[in-house]
Amino acid sequence: MSRFRKLTHTIWHCQYHIVWVPKYRYRILTGMVGNEVEQCVHVFSSQKLCEIIEINVRIDLICQVW
């Protein structure tokens, strides 16, 4: 799949980098909590018709590139 999207008169490439950090950078995104956060991100992005290119769940933050 091409990284560019096309319509009849336009071509575009839109990509976001979102970093979500828990309050006070508590290390809560481990084990089942980290898995649940990742699943929620996938569900919400599919509802908005977004494509996740990469997702990284770390102990104290979650990074995504869409």
PDB file of N, CA and C in Angstrom:
ATOM      1  N   MET A   1       0.827  -1.178   0.000  1.00  0.00           N
ATOM      2  CA  MET A   1       0.000   0.000   0.000  1.00  0.00           C
ATOM      3  C   MET A   1       0.875   1.245   0.000  1.00  0.00           C
ATOM      4  N   SER A   2       0.513   2.183  -0.826  1.00  0.00           N
ATOM      5  CA  SER A   2       1.276   3.414  -0.926  1.00  0.00           C
ATOM      6  C   SER A   2       1.067   4.281   0.310  1.00  0.00           C
ATOM      7  N   ARG A   3       2.075   5.046   0.660  1.00  0.00           N
ATOM      8  CA  ARG A   3       1.925   5.931   1.821  1.00  0.00           C
ATOM      9  C   ARG A   3       1.133   7.181   1.467  1.00  0.00           C
ATOM     10  N   PHE A   4       0.878   7.404   0.188  1.00  0.00           N
ATOM     11  CA  PHE A   4       0.099   8.548  -0.260  1.00  0.00           C
ATOM     12  C   PHE A   4      -1.344   8.128  -0.523  1.00  0.00           C
ATOM     13  N   ARG A   5      -2.272   8.995  -0.147  1.00  0.00           N
ATOM     14  CA  ARG A   5      -3.690   8.789  -0.429  1.00  0.00           C
ATOM     15  C   ARG A   5      -4.055   9.669  -1.624  1.00  0.00           C
ATOM     16  N   LYS A   6      -4.979   9.196  -2.445  1.00  0.00           N
ATOM     17  CA  LYS A   6      -5.302   9.924  -3.668  1.00  0.00           C
ATOM     18  C   LYS A   6      -6.810  10.074  -3.837  1.00  0.00           C
ATOM     19  N   LEU A   7      -7.186  11.220  -4.364  1.00  0.00           N
ATOM     20  CA  LEU A   7      -8.518  11.475  -4.886  1.00  0.00           C
ATOM     21  C   LEU A   7      -8.343  11.986  -6.306  1.00  0.00           C
ATOM     22  N   THR A   8      -9.408  12.413  -6.949  1.00  0.00           N
ATOM     23  CA  THR A   8      -9.285  12.806  -8.351  1.00  0.00           C
ATOM     24  C   THR A   8      -8.339  13.988  -8.565  1.00  0.00           C
ATOM     25  N   HIS A   9      -8.347  14.954  -7.646  1.00  0.00           N
ATOM     26  CA  HIS A   9      -7.522  16.141  -7.842  1.00  0.00           C
ATOM     27  C   HIS A   9      -6.535  16.401  -6.711  1.00  0.00           C
ATOM     28  N   THR A  10      -6.347  15.452  -5.829  1.00  0.00           N
ATOM     29  CA  THR A  10      -5.444  15.679  -4.693  1.00  0.00           C
ATOM     30  C   THR A  10      -4.642  14.424  -4.369  1.00  0.00           C
ATOM     31  N   ILE A  11      -3.493  14.653  -3.807  1.00  0.00           N
ATOM     32  CA  ILE A  11      -2.654  13.594  -3.243  1.00  0.00           C
ATOM     33  C   ILE A  11      -2.198  14.111  -1.886  1.00  0.00           C
ATOM     34  N   TRP A  12      -2.269  13.266  -0.857  1.00  0.00           N
ATOM     35  CA  TRP A  12      -1.843  13.704   0.467  1.00  0.00           C
ATOM     36  C   TRP A  12      -1.204  12.578   1.246  1.00  0.00           C
ATOM     37  N   HIS A  13      -0.428  12.995   2.206  1.00  0.00           N
ATOM     38  CA  HIS A  13       0.228  12.076   3.142  1.00  0.00           C
ATOM     39  C   HIS A  13       0.160  12.747   4.513  1.00  0.00           C
ATOM     40  N   CYS A  14      -0.646  12.225   5.395  1.00  0.00           N
ATOM     41  CA  CYS A  14      -0.858  12.815   6.710  1.00  0.00           C
ATOM     42  C   CYS A  14      -0.432  11.800   7.766  1.00  0.00           C
ATOM     43  N   GLN A  15       0.464  12.200   8.643  1.00  0.00           N
ATOM     44  CA  GLN A  15       0.989  11.287   9.642  1.00  0.00           C
ATOM     45  C   GLN A  15       1.146  12.052  10.959  1.00  0.00           C
ATOM     46  N   TYR A  16       0.726  11.437  12.070  1.00  0.00           N
ATOM     47  CA  TYR A  16       0.803  12.041  13.383  1.00  0.00           C
ATOM     48  C   TYR A  16       1.683  11.207  14.297  1.00  0.00           C
ATOM     49  N   HIS A  17       2.360  11.879  15.198  1.00  0.00           N
ATOM     50  CA  HIS A  17       3.129  11.204  16.238  1.00  0.00           C
ATOM     51  C   HIS A  17       2.535  11.661  17.564  1.00  0.00           C
ATOM     52  N   ILE A  18       1.932  10.733  18.285  1.00  0.00           N
ATOM     53  CA  ILE A  18       1.246  11.063  19.530  1.00  0.00           C
ATOM     54  C   ILE A  18       1.948  10.347  20.675  1.00  0.00           C
ATOM     55  N   VAL A  19       2.227  11.090  21.724  1.00  0.00           N
ATOM     56  CA  VAL A  19       2.832  10.514  22.922  1.00  0.00           C
ATOM     57  C   VAL A  19       1.862  10.752  24.073  1.00  0.00           C
ATOM     58  N   TRP A  20       1.441   9.678  24.710  1.00  0.00           N
ATOM     59  CA  TRP A  20       0.550   9.755  25.865  1.00  0.00           C
ATOM     60  C   TRP A  20       1.343   9.340  27.086  1.00  0.00           C
ATOM     61  N   VAL A  21       1.357  10.205  28.106  1.00  0.00           N
ATOM     62  CA  VAL A  21       2.147   9.959  29.312  1.00  0.00           C
ATOM     63  C   VAL A  21       1.210   9.970  30.514  1.00  0.00           C
ATOM     64  N   PRO A  22       1.247   8.941  31.374  1.00  0.00           N
ATOM     65  CA  PRO A  22       0.424   8.949  32.590  1.00  0.00           C
ATOM     66  C   PRO A  22       0.840  10.080  33.534  1.00  0.00           C
ATOM     67  N   LYS A  23      -0.106  10.492  34.375  1.00  0.00           N
ATOM     68  CA  LYS A  23       0.142  11.565  35.322  1.00  0.00           C
ATOM     69  C   LYS A  23       1.316  11.209  36.227  1.00  0.00           C
ATOM     70  N   TYR A  24       2.186  12.166  36.426  1.00  0.00           N
ATOM     71  CA  TYR A  24       3.404  12.019  37.242  1.00  0.00           C
ATOM     72  C   TYR A  24       4.328  10.915  36.715  1.00  0.00           C
ATOM     73  N   ARG A  25       4.107  10.506  35.477  1.00  0.00           N
ATOM     74  CA  ARG A  25       4.923   9.471  34.826  1.00  0.00           C
ATOM     75  C   ARG A  25       4.993   8.181  35.655  1.00  0.00           C
ATOM     76  N   TYR A  26       3.884   7.853  36.336  1.00  0.00           N
ATOM     77  CA  TYR A  26       3.820   6.598  37.077  1.00  0.00           C
ATOM     78  C   TYR A  26       4.023   5.431  36.120  1.00  0.00           C
ATOM     79  N   ARG A  27       4.718   4.434  36.564  1.00  0.00           N
ATOM     80  CA  ARG A  27       5.029   3.263  35.735  1.00  0.00           C
ATOM     81  C   ARG A  27       3.906   2.237  35.865  1.00  0.00           C
ATOM     82  N   ILE A  28       2.762   2.563  35.253  1.00  0.00           N
ATOM     83  CA  ILE A  28       1.585   1.702  35.383  1.00  0.00           C
ATOM     84  C   ILE A  28       1.300   0.878  34.135  1.00  0.00           C
ATOM     85  N   LEU A  29       1.952   1.165  33.036  1.00  0.00           N
ATOM     86  CA  LEU A  29       1.633   0.487  31.779  1.00  0.00           C
ATOM     87  C   LEU A  29       2.420  -0.812  31.637  1.00  0.00           C
ATOM     88  N   THR A  30       2.267  -1.698  32.606  1.00  0.00           N
ATOM     89  CA  THR A  30       2.934  -2.989  32.565  1.00  0.00           C
ATOM     90  C   THR A  30       1.883  -4.086  32.583  1.00  0.00           C
ATOM     91  N   GLY A  31       2.218  -5.226  32.066  1.00  0.00           N
ATOM     92  CA  GLY A  31       1.354  -6.401  32.128  1.00  0.00           C
ATOM     93  C   GLY A  31       0.001  -6.196  31.480  1.00  0.00           C
ATOM     94  N   MET A  32      -1.047  -6.516  32.226  1.00  0.00           N
ATOM     95  CA  MET A  32      -2.408  -6.462  31.693  1.00  0.00           C
ATOM     96  C   MET A  32      -2.856  -5.031  31.402  1.00  0.00           C
ATOM     97  N   VAL A  33      -2.390  -4.067  32.168  1.00  0.00           N
ATOM     98  CA  VAL A  33      -2.767  -2.671  31.925  1.00  0.00           C
ATOM     99  C   VAL A  33      -2.201  -2.196  30.589  1.00  0.00           C
ATOM    100  N   GLY A  34      -0.955  -2.511  30.315  1.00  0.00           N
ATOM    101  CA  GLY A  34      -0.343  -2.153  29.033  1.00  0.00           C
ATOM    102  C   GLY A  34      -1.047  -2.805  27.864  1.00  0.00           C
ATOM    103  N   ASN A  35      -1.425  -4.075  28.020  1.00  0.00           N
ATOM    104  CA  ASN A  35      -2.149  -4.767  26.952  1.00  0.00           C
ATOM    105  C   ASN A  35      -3.525  -4.144  26.720  1.00  0.00           C
ATOM    106  N   GLU A  36      -4.201  -3.782  27.788  1.00  0.00           N
ATOM    107  CA  GLU A  36      -5.521  -3.166  27.669  1.00  0.00           C
ATOM    108  C   GLU A  36      -5.440  -1.803  26.980  1.00  0.00           C
ATOM    109  N   VAL A  37      -4.429  -1.018  27.326  1.00  0.00           N
ATOM    110  CA  VAL A  37      -4.239   0.290  26.687  1.00  0.00           C
ATOM    111  C   VAL A  37      -3.991   0.116  25.196  1.00  0.00           C
ATOM    112  N   GLU A  38      -3.158  -0.835  24.837  1.00  0.00           N
ATOM    113  CA  GLU A  38      -2.874  -1.076  23.422  1.00  0.00           C
ATOM    114  C   GLU A  38      -4.128  -1.507  22.674  1.00  0.00           C
ATOM    115  N   GLN A  39      -4.934  -2.389  23.275  1.00  0.00           N
ATOM    116  CA  GLN A  39      -6.181  -2.823  22.636  1.00  0.00           C
ATOM    117  C   GLN A  39      -7.156  -1.659  22.488  1.00  0.00           C
ATOM    118  N   CYS A  40      -7.245  -0.798  23.498  1.00  0.00           N
ATOM    119  CA  CYS A  40      -8.136   0.364  23.416  1.00  0.00           C
ATOM    120  C   CYS A  40      -7.714   1.314  22.298  1.00  0.00           C
ATOM    121  N   VAL A  41      -6.420   1.527  22.153  1.00  0.00           N
ATOM    122  CA  VAL A  41      -5.919   2.389  21.083  1.00  0.00           C
ATOM    123  C   VAL A  41      -6.293   1.810  19.726  1.00  0.00           C
ATOM    124  N   HIS A  42      -6.151   0.492  19.557  1.00  0.00           N
ATOM    125  CA  HIS A  42      -6.519  -0.146  18.295  1.00  0.00           C
ATOM    126  C   HIS A  42      -8.017  -0.021  18.020  1.00  0.00           C
ATOM    127  N   VAL A  43      -8.837  -0.217  19.044  1.00  0.00           N
ATOM    128  CA  VAL A  43     -10.300  -0.120  18.869  1.00  0.00           C
ATOM    129  C   VAL A  43     -10.702   1.296  18.491  1.00  0.00           C
ATOM    130  N   PHE A  44     -10.207   2.294  19.218  1.00  0.00           N
ATOM    131  CA  PHE A  44     -10.575   3.675  18.938  1.00  0.00           C
ATOM    132  C   PHE A  44     -10.077   4.131  17.570  1.00  0.00           C
ATOM    133  N   SER A  45      -8.902   3.710  17.188  1.00  0.00           N
ATOM    134  CA  SER A  45      -8.391   4.118  15.876  1.00  0.00           C
ATOM    135  C   SER A  45      -9.175   3.455  14.752  1.00  0.00           C
ATOM    136  N   SER A  46      -9.625   2.222  14.937  1.00  0.00           N
ATOM    137  CA  SER A  46     -10.437   1.581  13.898  1.00  0.00           C
ATOM    138  C   SER A  46     -11.807   2.240  13.787  1.00  0.00           C
ATOM    139  N   GLN A  47     -12.348   2.756  14.905  1.00  0.00           N
ATOM    140  CA  GLN A  47     -13.613   3.489  14.858  1.00  0.00           C
ATOM    141  C   GLN A  47     -13.473   4.780  14.060  1.00  0.00           C
ATOM    142  N   LYS A  48     -12.321   5.406  14.152  1.00  0.00           N
ATOM    143  CA  LYS A  48     -12.067   6.658  13.429  1.00  0.00           C
ATOM    144  C   LYS A  48     -11.462   6.421  12.043  1.00  0.00           C
ATOM    145  N   LEU A  49     -11.351   5.150  11.641  1.00  0.00           N
ATOM    146  CA  LEU A  49     -10.788   4.765  10.342  1.00  0.00           C
ATOM    147  C   LEU A  49      -9.350   5.238  10.183  1.00  0.00           C
ATOM    148  N   CYS A  50      -8.570   5.148  11.247  1.00  0.00           N
ATOM    149  CA  CYS A  50      -7.154   5.504  11.220  1.00  0.00           C
ATOM    150  C   CYS A  50      -6.322   4.234  11.101  1.00  0.00           C
ATOM    151  N   GLU A  51      -5.186   4.374  10.503  1.00  0.00           N
ATOM    152  CA  GLU A  51      -4.262   3.252  10.348  1.00  0.00           C
ATOM    153  C   GLU A  51      -3.092   3.451  11.311  1.00  0.00           C
ATOM    154  N   ILE A  52      -2.825   2.455  12.129  1.00  0.00           N
ATOM    155  CA  ILE A  52      -1.680   2.518  13.045  1.00  0.00           C
ATOM    156  C   ILE A  52      -0.492   1.884  12.334  1.00  0.00           C
ATOM    157  N   ILE A  53       0.544   2.658  12.165  1.00  0.00           N
ATOM    158  CA  ILE A  53       1.753   2.160  11.519  1.00  0.00           C
ATOM    159  C   ILE A  53       2.649   1.488  12.539  1.00  0.00           C
ATOM    160  N   GLU A  54       2.776   2.109  13.698  1.00  0.00           N
ATOM    161  CA  GLU A  54       3.637   1.564  14.752  1.00  0.00           C
ATOM    162  C   GLU A  54       3.071   1.970  16.100  1.00  0.00           C
ATOM    163  N   ILE A  55       3.140   1.061  17.060  1.00  0.00           N
ATOM    164  CA  ILE A  55       2.728   1.382  18.427  1.00  0.00           C
ATOM    165  C   ILE A  55       3.716   0.723  19.382  1.00  0.00           C
ATOM    166  N   ASN A  56       4.180   1.501  20.346  1.00  0.00           N
ATOM    167  CA  ASN A  56       5.116   1.012  21.350  1.00  0.00           C
ATOM    168  C   ASN A  56       4.544   1.311  22.723  1.00  0.00           C
ATOM    169  N   VAL A  57       4.359   0.299  23.531  1.00  0.00           N
ATOM    170  CA  VAL A  57       3.917   0.501  24.910  1.00  0.00           C
ATOM    171  C   VAL A  57       5.127   0.299  25.796  1.00  0.00           C
ATOM    172  N   ARG A  58       5.491   1.357  26.498  1.00  0.00           N
ATOM    173  CA  ARG A  58       6.620   1.297  27.423  1.00  0.00           C
ATOM    174  C   ARG A  58       6.086   1.359  28.844  1.00  0.00           C
ATOM    175  N   ILE A  59       6.954   1.190  29.811  1.00  0.00           N
ATOM    176  CA  ILE A  59       6.523   1.156  31.215  1.00  0.00           C
ATOM    177  C   ILE A  59       5.863   2.472  31.616  1.00  0.00           C
ATOM    178  N   ASP A  60       6.419   3.604  31.201  1.00  0.00           N
ATOM    179  CA  ASP A  60       5.897   4.880  31.672  1.00  0.00           C
ATOM    180  C   ASP A  60       5.285   5.749  30.579  1.00  0.00           C
ATOM    181  N   LEU A  61       5.237   5.305  29.349  1.00  0.00           N
ATOM    182  CA  LEU A  61       4.580   6.073  28.310  1.00  0.00           C
ATOM    183  C   LEU A  61       4.201   5.171  27.133  1.00  0.00           C
ATOM    184  N   ILE A  62       3.348   5.675  26.275  1.00  0.00           N
ATOM    185  CA  ILE A  62       2.950   4.946  25.078  1.00  0.00           C
ATOM    186  C   ILE A  62       3.193   5.872  23.890  1.00  0.00           C
ATOM    187  N   CYS A  63       3.881   5.380  22.885  1.00  0.00           N
ATOM    188  CA  CYS A  63       4.186   6.167  21.694  1.00  0.00           C
ATOM    189  C   CYS A  63       3.515   5.518  20.500  1.00  0.00           C
ATOM    190  N   GLN A  64       2.961   6.355  19.636  1.00  0.00           N
ATOM    191  CA  GLN A  64       2.312   5.840  18.439  1.00  0.00           C
ATOM    192  C   GLN A  64       2.699   6.702  17.257  1.00  0.00           C
ATOM    193  N   VAL A  65       2.718   6.092  16.129  1.00  0.00           N
ATOM    194  CA  VAL A  65       2.880   6.837  14.883  1.00  0.00           C
ATOM    195  C   VAL A  65       1.749   6.410  13.991  1.00  0.00           C
ATOM    196  N   TRP A  66       0.939   7.388  13.568  1.00  0.00           N
ATOM    197  CA  TRP A  66      -0.162   7.098  12.650  1.00  0.00           C
ATOM    198  C   TRP A  66       0.109   7.720  11.327  1.00  0.00           C
TER     199      TRP A  66
END
